[in-house]
C-alpha atoms as a PDB file:
ATOM      1  CA  UNK A   1     -14.606 -81.224  50.550  1.00  0.00           C
ATOM      2  CA  UNK A   2     -16.786 -79.601  47.525  1.00  0.00           C
ATOM      3  CA  UNK A   3     -15.383 -78.536  43.759  1.00  0.00           C
ATOM      4  CA  UNK A   4     -15.107 -74.697  44.461  1.00  0.00           C
ATOM      5  CA  UNK A   5     -12.701 -76.163  47.992  1.00  0.00           C
ATOM      6  CA  UNK A   6     -10.927 -78.347  45.818  1.00  0.00           C
ATOM      7  CA  UNK A   7     -10.303 -75.500  43.288  1.00  0.00           C
ATOM      8  CA  UNK A   8      -9.078 -73.279  45.976  1.00  0.00           C
ATOM      9  CA  UNK A   9      -7.229 -75.840  47.242  1.00  0.00           C
ATOM     10  CA  UNK A  10      -5.025 -76.706  44.039  1.00  0.00           C
ATOM     11  CA  UNK A  11      -4.887 -73.281  43.259  1.00  0.00           C
ATOM     12  CA  UNK A  12      -3.234 -72.499  46.284  1.00  0.00           C
ATOM     13  CA  UNK A  13      -0.656 -74.497  45.948  1.00  0.00           C
ATOM     14  CA  UNK A  14      -0.151 -73.852  42.328  1.00  0.00           C
ATOM     15  CA  UNK A  15       0.069 -70.375  43.236  1.00  0.00           C
ATOM     16  CA  UNK A  16       2.993 -71.052  45.967  1.00  0.00           C
ATOM     17  CA  UNK A  17       4.679 -73.188  43.264  1.00  0.00           C
ATOM     18  CA  UNK A  18       4.790 -69.719  40.894  1.00  0.00           C
ATOM     19  CA  UNK A  19       6.059 -67.641  43.937  1.00  0.00           C
ATOM     20  CA  UNK A  20       9.000 -70.081  44.015  1.00  0.00           C
ATOM     21  CA  UNK A  21       9.437 -69.327  40.205  1.00  0.00           C
ATOM     22  CA  UNK A  22       8.771 -72.535  39.269  1.00  0.00           C
ATOM     23  CA  UNK A  23       6.752 -72.477  35.538  1.00  0.00           C
ATOM     24  CA  UNK A  24       4.902 -75.324  35.523  1.00  0.00           C
ATOM     25  CA  UNK A  25       2.764 -74.045  38.638  1.00  0.00           C
ATOM     26  CA  UNK A  26       2.182 -70.659  36.880  1.00  0.00           C
ATOM     27  CA  UNK A  27       1.437 -72.416  33.982  1.00  0.00           C
ATOM     28  CA  UNK A  28      -0.904 -74.381  35.904  1.00  0.00           C
ATOM     29  CA  UNK A  29      -2.280 -71.477  37.263  1.00  0.00           C
ATOM     30  CA  UNK A  30      -3.268 -69.534  33.733  1.00  0.00           C
ATOM     31  CA  UNK A  31      -4.909 -72.916  32.512  1.00  0.00           C
ATOM     32  CA  UNK A  32      -6.792 -73.300  35.635  1.00  0.00           C
ATOM     33  CA  UNK A  33      -7.791 -69.767  36.777  1.00  0.00           C
ATOM     34  CA  UNK A  34      -7.244 -68.379  32.873  1.00  0.00           C
ATOM     35  CA  UNK A  35     -10.682 -69.723  31.542  1.00  0.00           C
ATOM     36  CA  UNK A  36     -12.419 -67.895  34.617  1.00  0.00           C
ATOM     37  CA  UNK A  37     -10.676 -64.954  34.096  1.00  0.00           C
ATOM     38  CA  UNK A  38     -11.746 -64.655  30.628  1.00  0.00           C
ATOM     39  CA  UNK A  39     -14.801 -65.300  31.733  1.00  0.00           C
ATOM     40  CA  UNK A  40     -15.329 -62.450  33.797  1.00  0.00           C
ATOM     41  CA  UNK A  41     -13.458 -60.014  31.582  1.00  0.00           C
ATOM     42  CA  UNK A  42     -16.172 -60.777  28.599  1.00  0.00           C
ATOM     43  CA  UNK A  43     -18.723 -59.735  31.242  1.00  0.00           C
ATOM     44  CA  UNK A  44     -17.138 -56.795  31.495  1.00  0.00           C
ATOM     45  CA  UNK A  45     -15.776 -55.655  28.308  1.00  0.00           C
ATOM     46  CA  UNK A  46     -18.152 -55.044  24.731  1.00  0.00           C
ATOM     47  CA  UNK A  47     -16.259 -58.117  23.072  1.00  0.00           C
ATOM     48  CA  UNK A  48     -13.944 -61.018  22.931  1.00  0.00           C
ATOM     49  CA  UNK A  49     -10.804 -59.517  21.995  1.00  0.00           C
ATOM     50  CA  UNK A  50     -11.028 -56.604  24.364  1.00  0.00           C
ATOM     51  CA  UNK A  51     -11.781 -59.432  27.059  1.00  0.00           C
ATOM     52  CA  UNK A  52      -8.396 -61.181  25.639  1.00  0.00           C
ATOM     53  CA  UNK A  53      -6.690 -57.908  25.989  1.00  0.00           C
ATOM     54  CA  UNK A  54      -7.878 -57.235  29.811  1.00  0.00           C
ATOM     55  CA  UNK A  55      -7.075 -61.148  30.865  1.00  0.00           C
ATOM     56  CA  UNK A  56      -3.146 -60.717  29.272  1.00  0.00           C
ATOM     57  CA  UNK A  57      -3.134 -57.203  31.215  1.00  0.00           C
ATOM     58  CA  UNK A  58      -4.146 -58.978  34.584  1.00  0.00           C
ATOM     59  CA  UNK A  59      -1.591 -62.036  33.797  1.00  0.00           C
ATOM     60  CA  UNK A  60       0.846 -59.097  33.642  1.00  0.00           C
ATOM     61  CA  UNK A  61      -0.509 -57.527  37.067  1.00  0.00           C
ATOM     62  CA  UNK A  62      -0.361 -60.625  38.417  1.00  0.00           C
ATOM     63  CA  UNK A  63       2.958 -62.088  37.786  1.00  0.00           C
ATOM     64  CA  UNK A  64       4.028 -58.882  39.432  1.00  0.00           C
ATOM     65  CA  UNK A  65       1.724 -58.744  42.444  1.00  0.00           C
ATOM     66  CA  UNK A  66       1.696 -63.031  42.995  1.00  0.00           C
ATOM     67  CA  UNK A  67       4.542 -62.515  46.061  1.00  0.00           C
ATOM     68  CA  UNK A  68       2.620 -59.514  47.885  1.00  0.00           C
ATOM     69  CA  UNK A  69      -0.979 -61.835  47.874  1.00  0.00           C
ATOM     70  CA  UNK A  70      -1.416 -62.919  51.594  1.00  0.00           C
ATOM     71  CA  UNK A  71      -3.752 -65.765  51.416  1.00  0.00           C
ATOM     72  CA  UNK A  72      -3.011 -68.499  48.764  1.00  0.00           C
ATOM     73  CA  UNK A  73      -6.476 -69.624  49.022  1.00  0.00           C
ATOM     74  CA  UNK A  74      -7.705 -65.859  48.087  1.00  0.00           C
ATOM     75  CA  UNK A  75      -5.924 -66.377  44.448  1.00  0.00           C
ATOM     76  CA  UNK A  76      -9.198 -66.578  42.453  1.00  0.00           C
ATOM     77  CA  UNK A  77     -10.870 -63.168  43.890  1.00  0.00           C
ATOM     78  CA  UNK A  78      -7.783 -61.411  43.865  1.00  0.00           C
ATOM     79  CA  UNK A  79      -6.997 -62.426  40.320  1.00  0.00           C
ATOM     80  CA  UNK A  80     -10.859 -61.183  39.338  1.00  0.00           C
ATOM     81  CA  UNK A  81     -10.645 -58.179  41.317  1.00  0.00           C
ATOM     82  CA  UNK A  82      -7.227 -57.298  39.403  1.00  0.00           C
ATOM     83  CA  UNK A  83      -9.220 -58.298  35.639  1.00  0.00           C
ATOM     84  CA  UNK A  84     -12.084 -55.542  37.253  1.00  0.00           C
ATOM     85  CA  UNK A  85      -9.711 -52.925  37.861  1.00  0.00           C
ATOM     86  CA  UNK A  86      -8.316 -53.522  34.165  1.00  0.00           C
ATOM     87  CA  UNK A  87     -11.710 -53.222  32.377  1.00  0.00           C
ATOM     88  CA  UNK A  88     -12.696 -50.465  34.796  1.00  0.00           C
ATOM     89  CA  UNK A  89      -9.245 -48.737  32.999  1.00  0.00           C
ATOM     90  CA  UNK A  90     -10.700 -49.568  29.799  1.00  0.00           C
ATOM     91  CA  UNK A  91     -13.450 -48.394  30.040  1.00  0.00           C
ATOM     92  CA  UNK A  92     -12.124 -44.623  31.530  1.00  0.00           C
ATOM     93  CA  UNK A  93      -9.669 -44.667  28.520  1.00  0.00           C
ATOM     94  CA  UNK A  94     -12.274 -44.901  26.274  1.00  0.00           C
ATOM     95  CA  UNK A  95     -14.487 -42.481  28.035  1.00  0.00           C
ATOM     96  CA  UNK A  96     -11.187 -39.900  27.838  1.00  0.00           C
ATOM     97  CA  UNK A  97     -10.547 -40.758  23.804  1.00  0.00           C
ATOM     98  CA  UNK A  98     -14.381 -39.867  23.431  1.00  0.00           C
ATOM     99  CA  UNK A  99     -14.453 -36.464  24.936  1.00  0.00           C
ATOM    100  CA  UNK A 100     -11.160 -35.872  23.235  1.00  0.00           C
ATOM    101  CA  UNK A 101     -13.135 -36.252  20.363  1.00  0.00           C
ATOM    102  CA  UNK A 102     -15.948 -34.168  21.041  1.00  0.00           C
ATOM    103  CA  UNK A 103     -13.233 -31.494  21.747  1.00  0.00           C
ATOM    104  CA  UNK A 104     -11.841 -31.697  18.492  1.00  0.00           C
ATOM    105  CA  UNK A 105     -15.065 -31.420  16.941  1.00  0.00           C
ATOM    106  CA  UNK A 106     -16.027 -28.841  18.357  1.00  0.00           C
ATOM    107  CA  UNK A 107     -12.973 -26.784  18.055  1.00  0.00           C
ATOM    108  CA  UNK A 108     -13.373 -27.861  14.134  1.00  0.00           C
ATOM    109  CA  UNK A 109     -16.862 -26.954  13.879  1.00  0.00           C
ATOM    110  CA  UNK A 110     -16.173 -23.008  15.810  1.00  0.00           C
ATOM    111  CA  UNK A 111     -18.211 -20.575  14.079  1.00  0.00           C
ATOM    112  CA  UNK A 112     -15.783 -18.385  12.114  1.00  0.00           C
ATOM    113  CA  UNK A 113     -12.928 -20.940  12.284  1.00  0.00           C
ATOM    114  CA  UNK A 114     -11.376 -22.261   9.214  1.00  0.00           C
ATOM    115  CA  UNK A 115      -9.236 -24.778  10.982  1.00  0.00           C
ATOM    116  CA  UNK A 116      -6.192 -26.555   9.335  1.00  0.00           C
ATOM    117  CA  UNK A 117      -6.793 -30.565   9.087  1.00  0.00           C
ATOM    118  CA  UNK A 118      -5.707 -32.033  12.449  1.00  0.00           C
ATOM    119  CA  UNK A 119      -4.047 -34.803  10.801  1.00  0.00           C
ATOM    120  CA  UNK A 120      -1.429 -32.374   8.711  1.00  0.00           C
ATOM    121  CA  UNK A 121      -1.226 -31.061  11.804  1.00  0.00           C
ATOM    122  CA  UNK A 122      -0.035 -33.157  13.976  1.00  0.00           C
ATOM    123  CA  UNK A 123       1.776 -34.593  10.898  1.00  0.00           C
ATOM    124  CA  UNK A 124       3.929 -31.600  11.721  1.00  0.00           C
ATOM    125  CA  UNK A 125       4.560 -31.907  14.969  1.00  0.00           C
ATOM    126  CA  UNK A 126       8.409 -33.678  15.773  1.00  0.00           C
ATOM    127  CA  UNK A 127       8.050 -37.253  16.244  1.00  0.00           C
ATOM    128  CA  UNK A 128       8.387 -37.272  20.014  1.00  0.00           C
ATOM    129  CA  UNK A 129       5.635 -34.968  20.643  1.00  0.00           C
ATOM    130  CA  UNK A 130       3.142 -37.122  18.015  1.00  0.00           C
ATOM    131  CA  UNK A 131       4.127 -40.227  19.945  1.00  0.00           C
ATOM    132  CA  UNK A 132       3.261 -39.152  23.434  1.00  0.00           C
ATOM    133  CA  UNK A 133      -0.144 -37.095  21.785  1.00  0.00           C
ATOM    134  CA  UNK A 134      -1.217 -40.377  20.174  1.00  0.00           C
ATOM    135  CA  UNK A 135      -0.604 -42.470  23.024  1.00  0.00           C
ATOM    136  CA  UNK A 136      -2.001 -39.814  25.790  1.00  0.00           C
ATOM    137  CA  UNK A 137      -5.257 -39.497  24.008  1.00  0.00           C
ATOM    138  CA  UNK A 138      -5.780 -41.551  21.356  1.00  0.00           C
ATOM    139  CA  UNK A 139      -4.923 -44.931  22.966  1.00  0.00           C
ATOM    140  CA  UNK A 140      -6.351 -42.938  26.411  1.00  0.00           C
ATOM    141  CA  UNK A 141      -3.011 -44.028  28.781  1.00  0.00           C
ATOM    142  CA  UNK A 142      -2.058 -42.242  31.813  1.00  0.00           C
ATOM    143  CA  UNK A 143       0.772 -40.342  31.660  1.00  0.00           C
ATOM    144  CA  UNK A 144       2.719 -42.670  33.989  1.00  0.00           C
ATOM    145  CA  UNK A 145       1.780 -45.208  31.355  1.00  0.00           C
ATOM    146  CA  UNK A 146       2.941 -42.984  28.737  1.00  0.00           C
ATOM    147  CA  UNK A 147       5.829 -42.886  30.210  1.00  0.00           C
ATOM    148  CA  UNK A 148       6.505 -46.530  30.442  1.00  0.00           C
ATOM    149  CA  UNK A 149       5.760 -47.175  27.299  1.00  0.00           C
ATOM    150  CA  UNK A 150       8.248 -45.231  25.636  1.00  0.00           C
ATOM    151  CA  UNK A 151      10.721 -45.391  28.602  1.00  0.00           C
ATOM    152  CA  UNK A 152      10.682 -41.780  29.308  1.00  0.00           C
ATOM    153  CA  UNK A 153      10.085 -39.859  32.681  1.00  0.00           C
ATOM    154  CA  UNK A 154       6.766 -38.660  33.130  1.00  0.00           C
ATOM    155  CA  UNK A 155       7.483 -35.475  33.907  1.00  0.00           C
ATOM    156  CA  UNK A 156       9.072 -35.572  30.201  1.00  0.00           C
ATOM    157  CA  UNK A 157       5.970 -36.525  28.945  1.00  0.00           C
ATOM    158  CA  UNK A 158       3.935 -33.509  30.344  1.00  0.00           C
ATOM    159  CA  UNK A 159       6.754 -31.071  28.833  1.00  0.00           C
ATOM    160  CA  UNK A 160       5.789 -32.987  25.474  1.00  0.00           C
ATOM    161  CA  UNK A 161       2.090 -32.555  25.791  1.00  0.00           C
ATOM    162  CA  UNK A 162       2.311 -28.742  27.066  1.00  0.00           C
ATOM    163  CA  UNK A 163       4.502 -28.173  23.604  1.00  0.00           C
ATOM    164  CA  UNK A 164       2.493 -30.464  21.654  1.00  0.00           C
ATOM    165  CA  UNK A 165      -0.699 -29.289  22.715  1.00  0.00           C
ATOM    166  CA  UNK A 166       0.923 -25.121  22.173  1.00  0.00           C
ATOM    167  CA  UNK A 167       1.825 -26.222  18.530  1.00  0.00           C
ATOM    168  CA  UNK A 168      -1.379 -27.607  17.473  1.00  0.00           C
ATOM    169  CA  UNK A 169      -2.837 -24.566  19.177  1.00  0.00           C
ATOM    170  CA  UNK A 170      -0.836 -22.530  16.621  1.00  0.00           C
ATOM    171  CA  UNK A 171      -0.902 -24.855  13.887  1.00  0.00           C
ATOM    172  CA  UNK A 172      -4.501 -24.990  14.420  1.00  0.00           C
ATOM    173  CA  UNK A 173      -5.907 -21.062  14.931  1.00  0.00           C
ATOM    174  CA  UNK A 174      -2.433 -19.298  13.806  1.00  0.00           C
ATOM    175  CA  UNK A 175      -2.991 -17.864  17.748  1.00  0.00           C
ATOM    176  CA  UNK A 176       0.142 -18.360  19.712  1.00  0.00           C
ATOM    177  CA  UNK A 177      -1.161 -16.396  22.846  1.00  0.00           C
ATOM    178  CA  UNK A 178       2.277 -14.931  23.279  1.00  0.00           C
ATOM    179  CA  UNK A 179       3.800 -18.461  23.484  1.00  0.00           C
ATOM    180  CA  UNK A 180       6.600 -19.618  21.101  1.00  0.00           C
END
């Protein structure tokens, strides 16, 4: 039996124990697979801090999804795929944040526009709208993730975003386009 086969068998043993709720088996999984997951995340991430965040996010997903794993011996590739998806979400968040920053910059640089300071306008929003706006645009979370983070329904997130955008439009341009 080669090293890879031994590792797969050992991981499978601890997966079975972790699935039964044995914390020592879950700790053993973290100890055995953790460095490999971090190395993979490090290859996908810009820096070690981001890689650690990706692995932490992956362990949270692994914990919740472990009962659904069909082949205990496939734990490592399955866990690595979870890290890969976490990295893809992080990239998407960063892209959305950059696009939002560009849009805000273009709006501020529009000819003839002399908008008030964006931070001051955001500060004038109600706390719920500020929180939703920051998590969605600045942190790059999805509507579902914002809903989870704030413990509110996704529909409430969408409504608060709509009202925040509308209020910011009025504060930044003075135009309400017939809206309140």
